[in-house]
Protein backbone atom coordinates (compact mmCIF):
# COMPACT_ATOMS: atom_id res chain seq x y z
CA GLY A 1 91.48 -39.80 -87.77
CA SER A 2 91.09 -38.02 -91.06
CA ALA A 3 90.98 -34.50 -89.69
CA GLY A 4 90.81 -32.78 -93.07
CA PHE A 5 87.65 -34.57 -94.15
CA ALA A 6 85.32 -33.79 -91.25
CA ALA A 7 82.34 -31.61 -92.07
CA SER A 8 83.06 -28.13 -90.82
CA PRO A 9 80.57 -26.62 -88.35
CA ASP A 10 80.03 -23.58 -90.61
CA ARG A 11 78.45 -25.57 -93.43
CA PRO A 12 75.14 -24.05 -94.51
CA ALA A 13 72.07 -25.72 -93.02
CA ARG A 14 70.53 -26.29 -96.46
CA SER A 15 73.20 -28.90 -97.15
CA VAL A 16 71.74 -31.33 -94.59
CA GLY A 17 71.35 -34.50 -96.62
CA GLY A 18 70.38 -32.39 -99.63
CA ASP A 19 73.68 -32.26 -101.48
CA GLY A 20 74.54 -35.88 -100.87
CA ALA A 21 76.16 -35.14 -97.51
CA PRO A 22 76.12 -38.36 -95.51
CA VAL A 23 73.81 -38.62 -92.55
CA ARG A 24 75.15 -40.64 -89.62
CA VAL A 25 72.58 -42.54 -87.56
CA ARG A 26 73.59 -44.25 -84.32
CA VAL A 27 71.58 -46.10 -81.69
CA ALA A 28 72.56 -44.58 -78.32
CA SER A 29 70.26 -46.84 -76.30
CA PRO A 30 69.97 -49.77 -75.83
CA GLU A 31 73.60 -50.87 -76.02
CA HIS A 32 74.55 -53.60 -78.47
CA GLY A 33 74.88 -56.91 -76.66
CA ALA A 34 72.99 -55.70 -73.58
CA ARG A 35 71.21 -58.25 -71.39
CA LEU A 36 68.00 -56.78 -70.01
CA VAL A 37 66.31 -58.53 -67.12
CA ARG A 38 62.60 -58.01 -66.65
CA ASP A 39 61.57 -57.34 -63.09
CA PRO A 40 58.80 -59.86 -62.34
CA GLU A 41 57.21 -57.28 -60.01
CA THR A 42 56.71 -54.78 -62.84
CA PRO A 43 53.43 -55.05 -64.76
CA PRO A 44 54.14 -56.05 -68.40
CA GLY A 45 52.94 -52.74 -69.84
CA LEU A 46 55.31 -50.78 -67.63
CA ALA A 47 58.46 -52.83 -68.27
CA THR A 48 60.05 -50.90 -71.11
CA VAL A 49 63.48 -50.03 -72.47
CA ALA A 50 64.38 -46.54 -73.68
CA LEU A 51 65.22 -46.24 -77.37
CA ALA A 52 67.49 -43.32 -78.20
CA ALA A 53 69.22 -42.39 -81.45
CA VAL A 54 71.73 -39.78 -82.55
CA VAL A 55 71.37 -38.39 -86.08
CA GLU A 56 74.02 -36.06 -87.55
CA PRO A 57 73.18 -33.81 -89.25
CA ALA A 58 69.75 -33.80 -87.65
CA ALA A 59 66.83 -35.28 -89.58
CA GLY A 60 63.17 -34.46 -89.00
CA GLN A 61 62.23 -37.97 -87.92
CA VAL A 62 63.48 -41.50 -87.51
CA VAL A 63 61.62 -44.78 -87.73
CA TRP A 64 62.51 -47.34 -85.09
CA PHE A 65 62.60 -50.89 -86.38
CA VAL A 66 62.31 -53.72 -83.87
CA ASP A 67 63.08 -57.24 -85.08
CA GLY A 68 63.08 -55.92 -88.65
CA ALA A 69 59.58 -54.43 -88.53
CA PRO A 70 58.61 -50.75 -88.16
CA PHE A 71 57.79 -50.01 -84.53
CA ARG A 72 57.38 -46.25 -84.19
CA THR A 73 58.10 -43.04 -86.08
CA VAL A 74 59.41 -40.32 -83.78
CA ASP A 75 60.47 -36.69 -84.07
CA ARG A 76 63.62 -35.27 -82.51
CA PRO A 77 65.09 -36.22 -80.07
CA TYR A 78 64.21 -39.63 -81.61
CA ALA A 79 63.24 -41.24 -78.31
CA ALA A 80 60.72 -44.03 -77.80
CA ARG A 81 60.00 -46.77 -75.29
CA TRP A 82 59.67 -50.41 -76.26
CA PRO A 83 57.81 -52.93 -74.04
CA LEU A 84 60.20 -55.67 -72.96
CA LYS A 85 59.51 -59.14 -74.33
CA PRO A 86 61.66 -62.16 -73.50
CA GLY A 87 64.08 -63.28 -76.20
CA VAL A 88 66.71 -61.84 -78.52
CA HIS A 89 65.66 -58.63 -80.26
CA THR A 90 67.18 -56.25 -82.79
CA PHE A 91 66.80 -52.47 -82.94
CA GLN A 92 67.59 -50.10 -85.76
CA ALA A 93 66.90 -46.41 -86.37
CA ARG A 94 66.30 -45.31 -89.97
CA VAL A 95 65.72 -41.91 -91.53
CA PRO A 96 62.44 -42.19 -93.49
CA TYR A 97 62.63 -42.06 -97.31
CA THR A 98 66.45 -42.20 -97.29
CA PRO A 99 69.05 -44.97 -97.31
CA TYR A 100 70.40 -43.80 -93.95
CA ALA A 101 70.16 -46.24 -91.06
CA SER A 102 72.02 -47.14 -87.90
CA ARG A 103 73.84 -50.37 -87.32
CA ILE A 104 71.56 -53.07 -85.97
CA VAL A 105 71.78 -53.39 -82.19
CA GLN A 106 70.96 -56.76 -80.65
CA VAL A 107 69.84 -57.25 -77.07
CA THR A 108 68.68 -60.20 -74.99
CA VAL A 109 65.69 -59.83 -72.68
CA GLU A 110 65.45 -62.38 -69.87
């Protein structure tokens, strides 16, 4: 790695995203390429997958996008639950009003 270029932990808090410091957004759950199997015994409204994101430095909120459309805006810790629907779906976490977004994660629900 490039040890000399990492942001030092003693950076002032006011620099969060404000001075052009990059914000890293990562989808922690679900995992890219995951195959999720719906339990036929579970009522449709209760069959959900946890959405979790990591944002560094922390942002106030993220917007979860599912299949390219806004799904839910959440505060820290950026968690939400999405009702499982059969098919291939994409998930992305974005910091509102900024260009910062996670990679797109694709999952298959069976």
